Amino acid sequence: AEVFFIDASWYAKPQGNWWSTVGNWQVDRQRFPAGLEPFRERVKKHGMLWGLWMDAERIGTESGVYKDHPEWLMRDYAGHEIGGMLDLTNPDAAGWMEQQIAQVIETNQLDFFRLDYNTHGCGRIERNGFVENHFWRYYDALYAVYDRLRARFPEVIFESCASGGGRTDLGMVRRFSHTWVTDWQIAPRSFMITNGMTMALPPESVDRLIGGQSGHTAAELDFQWRLLLFVRPTFGFLKPMGADWNPLVLQRLKHWLALYKDFVRPFQATGRIYHHTPVATGPEPMGWGVLELAAEDRSRAICGLFQLGDPEQPEYLLRFRGLDAGRRYRVTLDNRGQTFELDGVTLMQEGVTVRLEGALTSELLICDEV
């Protein structure tokens, strides 16, 4: 692990809940009597980056700021509150939010800041005799806040998670290091989401999770992890709390992490992604799903092949797209750990037939120039 962060509730009392107390952006000493310093020190000791979560644009009904500044709340066209959403068209509310984020980063010495967004809506205001929608002015103010914060804290990693895919617009993405694109990790829909979001956004900006959010309830670990090789992977709960590691799972985890860090990540940010099966529709996509990620200089590539729901064809003829016809490559079949060599022209024109039996199975082909 390279980053460790504490998610929601670090500010909430043990008997409270994270939802209603957002806005109280101070460490709760009943929950953490010694504060967060021991956590930060241990994280740093192990060579990891340290971070915290904030739902910065919302204030809960049990927070002090909710009681002190009701005028800062966004209201809809009927005059009702919109889920505790701050009205950032109010300069005082926007200034307070920016100051709170800066304080959390500085006080807790963060390397990593995770922004959540668990409300949505459009407010109204009467301005110069006209009823106006807040939306445009809201985002102008929001973007300005993060422009200033990124300039103020250039070394901090800014991640947007936004209740799973709620903030994947280019305006937000350009101001954050990477973006959580979904809270749905269950196959086969997980393929559809990765497939679609990597058409819209650069793969290195897309976050996906293994371990947590019920991803373990469908498909094997290889299926789930191979999807994460094409984006930015996060791993969570891969064994029961307090239990010993399953040695086979741990061995496989180390294999995946080494493959991502040592092989994929060095070329991911400048590489090209190819969607061999661009159409994957519906909550339970069917047939084959195939993704390829290749280095810009065409020296290496990975290709993931996934049998989705209701498979009808057990074989898929894979023709690589990101290789060089004039070079020779060593190809590894990850399921078997077997390796062979072929010319790029053969891999691109004649292709390789991959056979997978049954739904929610997968294979990974790893190509490296000889």
Protein backbone atom coordinates (compact mmCIF):
# COMPACT_ATOMS: atom_id res chain seq x y z
CA ALA A 1 0.00 0.00 0.00
CA GLU A 2 1.22 3.49 -0.84
CA VAL A 3 -1.62 5.63 0.57
CA PHE A 4 -3.58 5.10 3.79
CA PHE A 5 -6.49 7.35 4.67
CA ILE A 6 -9.35 7.44 7.15
CA ASP A 7 -12.74 7.80 5.53
CA ALA A 8 -15.94 9.24 7.02
CA SER A 9 -16.48 9.54 10.82
CA TRP A 10 -13.08 10.75 12.02
CA TYR A 11 -14.90 13.88 13.28
CA ALA A 12 -18.01 12.08 14.65
CA LYS A 13 -18.67 10.73 18.15
CA PRO A 14 -18.65 6.92 18.50
CA GLN A 15 -22.39 6.84 19.07
CA GLY A 16 -23.03 9.39 16.31
CA ASN A 17 -23.02 9.00 12.56
CA TRP A 18 -20.93 10.46 9.77
CA TRP A 19 -23.90 11.82 7.85
CA SER A 20 -25.41 14.27 10.29
CA THR A 21 -22.19 15.72 11.74
CA VAL A 22 -20.33 16.72 8.58
CA GLY A 23 -19.26 20.31 8.99
CA ASN A 24 -17.70 19.66 12.42
CA TRP A 25 -14.25 19.33 10.91
CA GLN A 26 -12.36 18.68 14.14
CA VAL A 27 -11.05 15.29 15.27
CA ASP A 28 -13.49 13.81 17.78
CA ARG A 29 -11.52 13.15 20.99
CA GLN A 30 -14.06 10.67 22.29
CA ARG A 31 -13.51 8.48 19.27
CA PHE A 32 -9.77 9.23 19.04
CA PRO A 33 -8.57 10.27 22.54
CA ALA A 34 -4.99 10.77 21.33
CA GLY A 35 -6.08 12.47 18.13
CA LEU A 36 -4.97 11.31 14.71
CA GLU A 37 -1.25 11.84 15.26
CA PRO A 38 -0.55 8.18 16.21
CA PHE A 39 -2.20 7.04 13.00
CA ARG A 40 -0.25 9.52 10.92
CA GLU A 41 3.03 8.54 12.59
CA ARG A 42 2.43 4.84 12.01
CA VAL A 43 1.45 5.42 8.38
CA LYS A 44 4.60 7.48 7.81
CA LYS A 45 6.75 4.89 9.58
CA HIS A 46 5.62 2.34 7.01
CA GLY A 47 6.43 4.64 4.12
CA MET A 48 2.86 5.45 3.12
CA LEU A 49 1.13 8.73 2.36
CA TRP A 50 -1.45 9.93 4.87
CA GLY A 51 -4.94 11.25 4.16
CA LEU A 52 -8.42 12.15 5.35
CA TRP A 53 -11.91 12.34 3.86
CA MET A 54 -14.25 15.36 3.75
CA ASP A 55 -17.78 15.87 2.48
CA ALA A 56 -16.88 19.53 2.20
CA GLU A 57 -19.87 20.96 0.33
CA ARG A 58 -22.44 19.73 2.83
CA ILE A 59 -23.20 20.46 6.48
CA GLY A 60 -25.13 18.03 8.67
CA THR A 61 -28.11 18.90 10.82
CA GLU A 62 -26.14 18.15 14.01
CA SER A 63 -23.15 20.30 13.10
CA GLY A 64 -22.46 23.63 14.72
CA VAL A 65 -22.29 25.52 11.42
CA TYR A 66 -25.75 24.24 10.44
CA LYS A 67 -27.20 25.85 13.54
CA ASP A 68 -25.12 29.02 13.32
CA HIS A 69 -25.53 29.79 9.62
CA PRO A 70 -28.85 28.61 8.18
CA GLU A 71 -28.48 31.35 5.56
CA TRP A 72 -25.58 29.40 3.99
CA LEU A 73 -27.83 26.50 2.94
CA MET A 74 -28.83 25.97 -0.67
CA ARG A 75 -32.59 26.03 -1.22
CA ASP A 76 -34.62 24.73 -4.14
CA TYR A 77 -37.31 26.59 -6.07
CA ALA A 78 -39.87 25.78 -3.37
CA GLY A 79 -37.59 27.15 -0.65
CA HIS A 80 -36.63 23.76 0.83
CA GLU A 81 -33.13 22.81 1.89
CA ILE A 82 -31.22 20.58 -0.53
CA GLY A 83 -29.73 17.93 1.75
CA GLY A 84 -27.55 20.32 3.73
CA MET A 85 -25.83 21.58 0.57
CA LEU A 86 -23.80 24.75 1.03
CA ASP A 87 -24.73 27.63 -1.22
CA LEU A 88 -21.35 28.49 -2.68
CA THR A 89 -22.80 31.45 -4.53
CA ASN A 90 -22.72 33.03 -1.07
CA PRO A 91 -19.12 34.28 -0.71
CA ASP A 92 -19.18 33.75 3.06
CA ALA A 93 -20.19 30.09 2.70
CA ALA A 94 -17.59 29.49 -0.03
CA GLY A 95 -14.89 31.20 2.02
CA TRP A 96 -15.73 29.15 5.10
CA MET A 97 -15.58 25.88 3.14
CA GLU A 98 -12.22 26.76 1.61
CA GLN A 99 -10.83 27.72 5.02
CA GLN A 100 -12.06 24.45 6.55
CA ILE A 101 -10.40 22.33 3.84
CA ALA A 102 -7.13 24.25 4.19
CA GLN A 103 -7.26 23.84 7.97
CA VAL A 104 -7.83 20.09 7.77
CA ILE A 105 -4.93 19.71 5.32
CA GLU A 106 -2.54 21.84 7.37
CA THR A 107 -3.51 20.70 10.87
CA ASN A 108 -3.37 17.02 9.99
CA GLN A 109 -0.37 17.33 7.66
CA LEU A 110 -2.15 15.57 4.82
CA ASP A 111 -0.49 14.10 1.76
CA PHE A 112 -3.87 12.98 0.42
CA PHE A 113 -7.25 14.76 0.48
CA ARG A 114 -10.41 12.85 -0.43
CA LEU A 115 -13.47 14.90 -1.39
CA ASP A 116 -16.92 13.35 -1.20
CA TYR A 117 -20.18 14.84 -2.48
CA ASN A 118 -23.34 13.29 -1.06
CA THR A 119 -25.99 15.74 -2.15
CA HIS A 120 -27.11 17.30 -5.39
CA GLY A 121 -29.52 19.84 -6.71
CA CYS A 122 -29.98 23.32 -8.12
CA GLY A 123 -31.07 26.29 -6.07
CA ARG A 124 -32.62 29.60 -6.98
CA ILE A 125 -32.08 33.21 -6.07
CA GLU A 126 -33.66 36.52 -6.95
CA ARG A 127 -31.01 38.83 -8.37
CA ASN A 128 -31.62 42.23 -9.94
CA GLY A 129 -35.33 41.52 -10.21
CA PHE A 130 -34.92 38.15 -11.92
CA VAL A 131 -35.17 34.59 -10.65
CA GLU A 132 -31.86 32.91 -11.42
CA ASN A 133 -30.66 29.31 -11.24
CA HIS A 134 -27.60 28.86 -9.00
CA PHE A 135 -25.90 26.19 -11.07
CA TRP A 136 -23.47 28.23 -13.16
CA ARG A 137 -22.40 30.56 -10.36
CA TYR A 138 -22.09 27.61 -7.98
CA TYR A 139 -19.58 25.81 -10.17
CA ASP A 140 -17.66 28.97 -10.95
CA ALA A 141 -17.19 29.39 -7.20
CA LEU A 142 -16.40 25.69 -6.62
CA TYR A 143 -13.79 25.54 -9.37
CA ALA A 144 -12.18 28.72 -8.05
CA VAL A 145 -11.91 27.21 -4.56
CA TYR A 146 -10.05 24.14 -5.84
CA ASP A 147 -7.86 26.17 -8.17
CA ARG A 148 -6.65 28.12 -5.15
CA LEU A 149 -6.28 25.03 -2.96
CA ARG A 150 -4.28 23.15 -5.60
CA ALA A 151 -1.98 26.14 -5.95
CA ARG A 152 -1.65 26.43 -2.18
CA PHE A 153 -0.98 22.70 -1.65
CA PRO A 154 0.79 21.56 -4.83
CA GLU A 155 2.18 18.38 -3.26
CA VAL A 156 -1.16 17.10 -1.93
CA ILE A 157 -3.01 14.41 -3.89
CA PHE A 158 -6.62 15.54 -4.44
CA GLU A 159 -9.06 12.67 -5.00
CA SER A 160 -12.74 13.14 -5.83
CA CYS A 161 -15.02 10.26 -4.87
CA ALA A 162 -18.46 11.94 -5.01
CA SER A 163 -20.72 9.09 -3.90
CA GLY A 164 -19.43 6.95 -6.74
CA GLY A 165 -19.39 8.64 -10.12
CA GLY A 166 -21.22 11.80 -9.12
CA ARG A 167 -18.43 14.12 -10.27
CA THR A 168 -16.92 12.87 -13.51
CA ASP A 169 -17.37 16.10 -15.44
CA LEU A 170 -14.21 17.50 -17.01
CA GLY A 171 -14.35 20.64 -14.88
CA MET A 172 -13.91 18.60 -11.71
CA VAL A 173 -11.56 16.02 -13.18
CA ARG A 174 -9.04 18.64 -14.32
CA ARG A 175 -8.79 19.97 -10.76
CA PHE A 176 -8.27 16.59 -9.08
CA SER A 177 -5.51 14.02 -9.29
CA HIS A 178 -7.95 11.18 -9.90
CA THR A 179 -11.66 10.40 -9.63
CA TRP A 180 -13.79 7.65 -8.12
CA VAL A 181 -16.17 6.68 -10.92
CA THR A 182 -18.54 4.29 -9.14
CA ASP A 183 -19.58 2.63 -5.91
CA TRP A 184 -20.68 -0.44 -7.89
CA GLN A 185 -17.96 -3.10 -7.90
CA ILE A 186 -20.04 -6.19 -8.72
CA ALA A 187 -19.41 -8.10 -11.96
CA PRO A 188 -20.38 -8.04 -14.76
CA ARG A 189 -21.62 -4.45 -14.46
CA SER A 190 -18.17 -3.56 -13.14
CA PHE A 191 -16.78 -4.23 -16.62
CA MET A 192 -19.39 -2.00 -18.26
CA ILE A 193 -18.47 0.88 -15.94
CA THR A 194 -14.71 0.54 -16.47
CA ASN A 195 -15.23 0.15 -20.20
CA GLY A 196 -17.43 3.23 -20.47
CA MET A 197 -15.57 5.52 -18.10
CA THR A 198 -12.22 4.88 -19.80
CA MET A 199 -13.82 6.14 -23.01
CA ALA A 200 -14.73 9.37 -21.25
CA LEU A 201 -11.67 9.88 -19.04
CA PRO A 202 -7.96 9.02 -19.11
CA PRO A 203 -7.45 5.62 -17.42
CA GLU A 204 -4.93 7.07 -14.94
CA SER A 205 -7.68 9.43 -13.70
CA VAL A 206 -10.18 6.62 -13.07
CA ASP A 207 -10.31 4.94 -9.64
CA ARG A 208 -11.71 1.45 -9.05
CA LEU A 209 -11.83 -0.77 -5.94
CA ILE A 210 -11.21 -4.42 -5.12
CA GLY A 211 -12.29 -5.63 -1.68
CA GLY A 212 -15.37 -3.85 -0.36
CA GLN A 213 -18.72 -2.62 -1.71
CA SER A 214 -19.83 -6.24 -2.28
CA GLY A 215 -17.41 -6.80 -5.17
CA HIS A 216 -16.58 -10.23 -3.73
CA THR A 217 -20.13 -11.47 -4.29
CA ALA A 218 -19.65 -12.18 -8.01
CA ALA A 219 -16.75 -13.37 -10.16
CA GLU A 220 -13.34 -14.60 -9.11
CA LEU A 221 -10.64 -12.29 -7.74
CA ASP A 222 -8.69 -12.49 -11.00
CA PHE A 223 -11.69 -11.11 -12.93
CA GLN A 224 -12.04 -8.20 -10.53
CA TRP A 225 -8.36 -7.37 -10.25
CA ARG A 226 -7.67 -7.55 -13.98
CA LEU A 227 -10.25 -4.83 -14.51
CA LEU A 228 -8.29 -2.64 -12.10
CA LEU A 229 -5.08 -2.97 -14.11
CA PHE A 230 -6.61 -0.66 -16.73
CA VAL A 231 -7.32 2.15 -14.24
CA ARG A 232 -5.98 3.28 -10.85
CA PRO A 233 -6.50 0.45 -8.35
CA THR A 234 -7.50 0.69 -4.70
CA PHE A 235 -7.75 -2.38 -2.50
CA GLY A 236 -9.71 -2.67 0.72
CA PHE A 237 -11.00 -5.70 2.61
CA LEU A 238 -9.42 -8.86 1.19
CA LYS A 239 -9.76 -10.93 4.35
CA PRO A 240 -12.08 -10.94 7.38
CA MET A 241 -11.15 -8.42 10.08
CA GLY A 242 -8.65 -9.95 12.47
CA ALA A 243 -8.20 -13.12 10.41
CA ASP A 244 -4.98 -14.48 9.00
CA TRP A 245 -4.30 -14.11 5.31
CA ASN A 246 -5.33 -16.86 2.96
CA PRO A 247 -1.82 -17.58 1.61
CA LEU A 248 -3.09 -18.13 -1.95
CA VAL A 249 -4.98 -14.81 -1.95
CA LEU A 250 -1.94 -13.01 -0.54
CA GLN A 251 0.34 -14.56 -3.15
CA ARG A 252 -2.06 -13.52 -5.91
CA LEU A 253 -2.38 -10.01 -4.49
CA LYS A 254 1.40 -9.57 -4.56
CA HIS A 255 1.42 -10.78 -8.17
CA TRP A 256 -1.20 -8.22 -9.20
CA LEU A 257 0.44 -5.36 -7.35
CA ALA A 258 3.84 -6.09 -8.86
CA LEU A 259 2.29 -6.31 -12.32
CA TYR A 260 0.57 -2.94 -11.87
CA LYS A 261 3.47 -1.06 -10.25
CA ASP A 262 6.35 -2.48 -12.28
CA PHE A 263 4.77 -3.14 -15.67
CA VAL A 264 1.58 -1.11 -16.20
CA ARG A 265 1.99 2.09 -14.21
CA PRO A 266 5.20 3.26 -15.88
CA PHE A 267 3.39 3.63 -19.23
CA GLN A 268 -0.23 4.11 -18.15
CA ALA A 269 -0.31 7.93 -18.12
CA THR A 270 1.04 8.23 -21.66
CA GLY A 271 -0.28 4.98 -23.14
CA ARG A 272 -3.33 4.31 -25.26
CA ILE A 273 -6.39 2.30 -24.30
CA TYR A 274 -8.27 0.28 -26.91
CA HIS A 275 -11.87 -0.81 -26.46
CA HIS A 276 -12.17 -3.98 -28.55
CA THR A 277 -15.79 -4.40 -27.46
CA PRO A 278 -16.97 -0.81 -27.08
CA VAL A 279 -20.67 -1.63 -26.62
CA ALA A 280 -21.51 -3.13 -23.22
CA THR A 281 -25.03 -2.15 -22.25
CA GLY A 282 -27.43 -2.63 -19.39
CA PRO A 283 -26.85 -3.44 -15.74
CA GLU A 284 -25.91 -7.05 -16.62
CA PRO A 285 -23.89 -6.87 -19.86
CA MET A 286 -23.49 -10.09 -21.82
CA GLY A 287 -20.98 -11.70 -24.14
CA TRP A 288 -17.28 -10.78 -24.29
CA GLY A 289 -15.62 -7.68 -22.91
CA VAL A 290 -12.07 -6.89 -24.07
CA LEU A 291 -9.74 -4.03 -23.08
CA GLU A 292 -6.18 -3.35 -24.20
CA LEU A 293 -3.70 -0.85 -22.74
CA ALA A 294 -0.49 -0.24 -24.70
CA ALA A 295 2.59 1.90 -24.19
CA GLU A 296 2.97 4.98 -26.38
CA ASP A 297 6.17 3.58 -27.89
CA ARG A 298 4.43 0.22 -28.53
CA SER A 299 7.02 -1.68 -26.50
CA ARG A 300 4.56 -3.37 -24.15
CA ALA A 301 0.85 -3.92 -23.60
CA ILE A 302 -1.72 -5.78 -21.57
CA CYS A 303 -5.05 -7.11 -22.79
CA GLY A 304 -7.85 -8.28 -20.53
CA LEU A 305 -10.54 -10.61 -21.85
CA PHE A 306 -13.69 -11.07 -19.79
CA GLN A 307 -16.63 -13.40 -20.25
CA LEU A 308 -19.62 -11.39 -19.01
CA GLY A 309 -23.17 -12.64 -18.52
CA ASP A 310 -24.82 -15.41 -20.58
CA PRO A 311 -21.79 -16.34 -22.72
CA GLU A 312 -22.59 -17.93 -26.07
CA GLN A 313 -19.12 -18.09 -27.66
CA PRO A 314 -16.35 -19.79 -25.65
CA GLU A 315 -13.59 -18.41 -27.93
CA TYR A 316 -12.48 -14.92 -28.89
CA LEU A 317 -9.99 -14.07 -31.64
CA LEU A 318 -7.86 -11.28 -30.21
CA ARG A 319 -5.98 -9.02 -32.61
CA PHE A 320 -3.80 -6.55 -30.74
CA ARG A 321 -3.98 -2.89 -31.78
CA GLY A 322 -1.27 -1.14 -29.80
CA LEU A 323 1.79 -3.14 -30.87
CA ASP A 324 4.34 -2.59 -33.64
CA ALA A 325 4.12 -4.92 -36.64
CA GLY A 326 7.90 -4.84 -37.09
CA ARG A 327 8.85 -5.97 -33.57
CA ARG A 328 8.81 -9.27 -31.71
CA TYR A 329 7.07 -9.78 -28.38
CA ARG A 330 7.12 -12.17 -25.46
CA VAL A 331 3.49 -12.95 -24.58
CA THR A 332 2.45 -14.34 -21.19
CA LEU A 333 -0.92 -16.03 -20.58
CA ASP A 334 -1.59 -15.07 -16.99
CA ASN A 335 -3.99 -17.92 -16.23
CA ARG A 336 -1.35 -20.55 -16.97
CA GLY A 337 1.80 -18.53 -16.45
CA GLN A 338 2.96 -19.78 -19.86
CA THR A 339 5.00 -17.66 -22.27
CA PHE A 340 5.57 -17.69 -26.03
CA GLU A 341 7.06 -15.31 -28.62
CA LEU A 342 5.41 -13.92 -31.75
CA ASP A 343 6.01 -11.16 -34.24
CA GLY A 344 3.91 -8.03 -33.86
CA VAL A 345 2.46 -8.47 -37.34
CA THR A 346 1.15 -11.91 -36.36
CA LEU A 347 -0.32 -10.66 -33.09
CA MET A 348 -2.04 -7.78 -34.89
CA GLN A 349 -3.25 -9.47 -38.08
CA GLU A 350 -3.69 -13.18 -37.41
CA GLY A 351 -4.26 -12.74 -33.68
CA VAL A 352 -4.45 -15.16 -30.76
CA THR A 353 -7.51 -17.26 -29.94
CA VAL A 354 -8.47 -17.14 -26.26
CA ARG A 355 -10.87 -19.69 -24.82
CA LEU A 356 -12.84 -19.12 -21.62
CA GLU A 357 -15.45 -21.49 -20.29
CA GLY A 358 -18.41 -19.96 -18.53
CA ALA A 359 -19.63 -16.60 -17.30
CA LEU A 360 -17.46 -14.25 -15.21
CA THR A 361 -14.17 -15.85 -16.22
CA SER A 362 -11.18 -13.92 -17.54
CA GLU A 363 -7.71 -14.03 -19.04
CA LEU A 364 -4.88 -11.51 -19.19
CA LEU A 365 -2.27 -11.37 -21.95
CA ILE A 366 0.96 -9.50 -21.13
CA CYS A 367 3.15 -8.43 -24.05
CA ASP A 368 6.73 -7.20 -23.72
CA GLU A 369 9.11 -6.45 -26.58
CA VAL A 370 11.92 -8.96 -26.91
